């Protein structure tokens, strides 16, 4: 029962974070595009719905699923039996293969080779940058912990 409660807690937290981040990004994009009315996503996405409330509701669901994907995907790095390389490769493909359909559904990336290639390149650059920063922060934390141990 404890495992189920923990799963539900993580599901709720990851979905909430995804919704918050998606909403924040959509608001920023609306301001940057100087939109006079709020649209939750690209007009090519929102035009598929009969009203803006439906588009917003589907956007919230997609943001929640995105948050859940990235949240649970991060647990891959807690598998202690795997090497860092294996964790990174599995995590990358989990994120990429999970996020591409969501990005296509949300209308963030039109389905054609050029846009999918651009998306993939941007995704790889963001992934490498995030991984690099996280890795070096972890190395710094380990050095700090080891230094504190030596001082005792």
Protein backbone atom coordinates (compact mmCIF):
# COMPACT_ATOMS: atom_id res chain seq x y z
CA UNK A 1 0.00 0.00 0.00
CA UNK A 2 2.89 2.34 0.76
CA UNK A 3 4.20 1.89 -2.81
CA UNK A 4 0.83 2.80 -4.29
CA UNK A 5 0.61 5.95 -2.15
CA UNK A 6 4.12 6.93 -3.19
CA UNK A 7 3.30 6.34 -6.85
CA UNK A 8 0.13 8.47 -6.61
CA UNK A 9 2.06 11.19 -4.79
CA UNK A 10 4.75 11.28 -7.51
CA UNK A 11 2.13 11.14 -10.26
CA UNK A 12 0.33 14.12 -8.73
CA UNK A 13 3.53 16.11 -8.17
CA UNK A 14 4.97 15.45 -11.65
CA UNK A 15 1.65 16.23 -13.37
CA UNK A 16 1.29 19.43 -11.33
CA UNK A 17 4.82 20.52 -12.20
CA UNK A 18 4.17 19.81 -15.87
CA UNK A 19 0.98 21.88 -15.80
CA UNK A 20 2.70 24.75 -14.02
CA UNK A 21 5.65 24.80 -16.44
CA UNK A 22 3.37 24.46 -19.49
CA UNK A 23 1.14 27.26 -18.29
CA UNK A 24 4.11 29.51 -17.52
CA UNK A 25 5.65 28.90 -20.94
CA UNK A 26 2.31 29.50 -22.69
CA UNK A 27 1.80 32.79 -20.84
CA UNK A 28 5.34 33.94 -21.69
CA UNK A 29 4.82 32.99 -25.35
CA UNK A 30 1.55 34.92 -25.43
CA UNK A 31 3.25 38.04 -24.07
CA UNK A 32 6.20 37.66 -26.45
CA UNK A 33 3.85 37.33 -29.43
CA UNK A 34 1.89 40.37 -28.18
CA UNK A 35 -1.31 38.38 -28.31
CA UNK A 36 -4.43 40.28 -27.26
CA UNK A 37 -6.11 37.09 -26.04
CA UNK A 38 -4.66 34.01 -24.37
CA UNK A 39 -4.08 30.88 -26.45
CA UNK A 40 -2.64 27.82 -24.68
CA UNK A 41 -0.61 26.61 -27.64
CA UNK A 42 0.23 27.27 -31.26
CA UNK A 43 -2.74 28.49 -33.33
CA UNK A 44 -2.43 25.39 -35.53
CA UNK A 45 -3.24 23.36 -32.40
CA UNK A 46 -6.00 25.55 -30.98
CA UNK A 47 -7.74 25.83 -34.35
CA UNK A 48 -8.47 22.09 -34.20
CA UNK A 49 -10.98 22.72 -31.39
CA UNK A 50 -14.45 24.20 -31.53
CA UNK A 51 -13.73 26.50 -28.59
CA UNK A 52 -10.78 27.80 -26.59
CA UNK A 53 -11.83 25.97 -23.42
CA UNK A 54 -11.43 22.60 -25.15
CA UNK A 55 -8.01 23.64 -26.47
CA UNK A 56 -6.97 24.75 -22.99
CA UNK A 57 -8.22 21.51 -21.38
CA UNK A 58 -6.32 19.33 -23.85
CA UNK A 59 -3.23 21.52 -23.36
CA UNK A 60 -3.42 21.01 -19.59
CA UNK A 61 -3.67 17.24 -20.10
CA UNK A 62 -0.66 17.28 -22.45
CA UNK A 63 1.33 19.39 -19.95
CA UNK A 64 0.43 16.95 -17.16
CA UNK A 65 1.49 13.95 -19.26
CA UNK A 66 4.73 15.75 -20.18
CA UNK A 67 5.49 16.47 -16.52
CA UNK A 68 4.76 12.85 -15.64
CA UNK A 69 7.02 11.57 -18.44
CA UNK A 70 9.96 13.70 -17.36
CA UNK A 71 9.34 13.12 -13.65
CA UNK A 72 9.19 9.34 -13.81
CA UNK A 73 11.93 9.28 -16.45
CA UNK A 74 14.30 10.83 -13.93
CA UNK A 75 14.00 7.70 -11.78
CA UNK A 76 16.12 5.91 -14.38
CA UNK A 77 19.13 7.57 -12.75
CA UNK A 78 18.31 5.87 -9.44
CA UNK A 79 18.94 2.36 -10.84
CA UNK A 80 22.19 1.60 -9.02
CA UNK A 81 23.01 -1.55 -11.01
CA UNK A 82 23.38 0.40 -14.27
CA UNK A 83 26.37 2.41 -15.43
CA UNK A 84 26.01 6.15 -15.92
CA UNK A 85 26.29 5.64 -19.69
CA UNK A 86 23.43 3.12 -19.74
CA UNK A 87 21.27 5.33 -17.53
CA UNK A 88 21.93 8.32 -19.78
CA UNK A 89 21.13 6.44 -22.99
CA UNK A 90 17.94 4.88 -21.62
CA UNK A 91 16.86 8.21 -20.09
CA UNK A 92 17.53 10.09 -23.33
CA UNK A 93 15.49 7.69 -25.45
CA UNK A 94 12.70 7.53 -22.84
CA UNK A 95 12.43 11.31 -22.90
CA UNK A 96 12.82 11.65 -26.66
CA UNK A 97 10.45 8.85 -27.68
CA UNK A 98 7.90 9.99 -25.10
CA UNK A 99 8.18 13.71 -25.84
CA UNK A 100 8.07 13.62 -29.66
CA UNK A 101 4.47 12.34 -29.80
CA UNK A 102 3.43 14.87 -27.16
CA UNK A 103 5.09 17.72 -29.07
CA UNK A 104 3.39 16.59 -32.28
CA UNK A 105 -0.01 16.30 -30.57
CA UNK A 106 0.38 19.74 -28.99
CA UNK A 107 1.27 21.30 -32.33
CA UNK A 108 4.68 22.45 -31.08
CA UNK A 109 6.34 20.65 -34.00
CA UNK A 110 4.70 20.27 -37.41
CA UNK A 111 5.01 16.75 -38.78
CA UNK A 112 7.64 17.10 -41.49
CA UNK A 113 11.27 16.13 -41.80
CA UNK A 114 12.78 19.61 -41.52
CA UNK A 115 10.86 20.61 -38.39
CA UNK A 116 11.34 17.20 -36.77
CA UNK A 117 15.09 17.46 -37.50
CA UNK A 118 15.23 20.94 -35.93
CA UNK A 119 13.26 19.69 -32.94
CA UNK A 120 15.62 16.73 -32.54
CA UNK A 121 18.70 18.94 -32.71
CA UNK A 122 17.29 21.38 -30.15
CA UNK A 123 16.22 18.47 -27.94
CA UNK A 124 19.73 16.96 -28.07
CA UNK A 125 21.37 20.31 -27.26
CA UNK A 126 19.05 20.92 -24.31
CA UNK A 127 19.54 17.35 -23.08
CA UNK A 128 23.35 17.56 -23.28
CA UNK A 129 23.40 20.95 -21.56
CA UNK A 130 21.12 19.77 -18.76
CA UNK A 131 23.02 16.51 -18.33
CA UNK A 132 26.38 18.31 -18.27
CA UNK A 133 25.24 20.82 -15.64
CA UNK A 134 23.63 18.13 -13.49
CA UNK A 135 26.69 15.90 -13.74
CA UNK A 136 29.10 18.65 -12.73
CA UNK A 137 26.88 19.72 -9.84
CA UNK A 138 26.87 16.11 -8.61
CA UNK A 139 30.68 15.93 -8.91
CA UNK A 140 30.96 19.18 -6.94
CA UNK A 141 28.58 17.85 -4.26
CA UNK A 142 30.57 14.61 -3.93
CA UNK A 143 33.82 16.57 -3.56
CA UNK A 144 32.22 18.74 -0.88
CA UNK A 145 30.95 15.69 1.02
CA UNK A 146 34.36 13.99 0.77
CA UNK A 147 36.04 17.16 2.05
CA UNK A 148 33.69 17.27 5.06
CA UNK A 149 34.45 13.61 5.78
CA UNK A 150 38.20 14.28 5.67
CA UNK A 151 37.81 17.17 8.12
CA UNK A 152 36.26 14.90 10.74
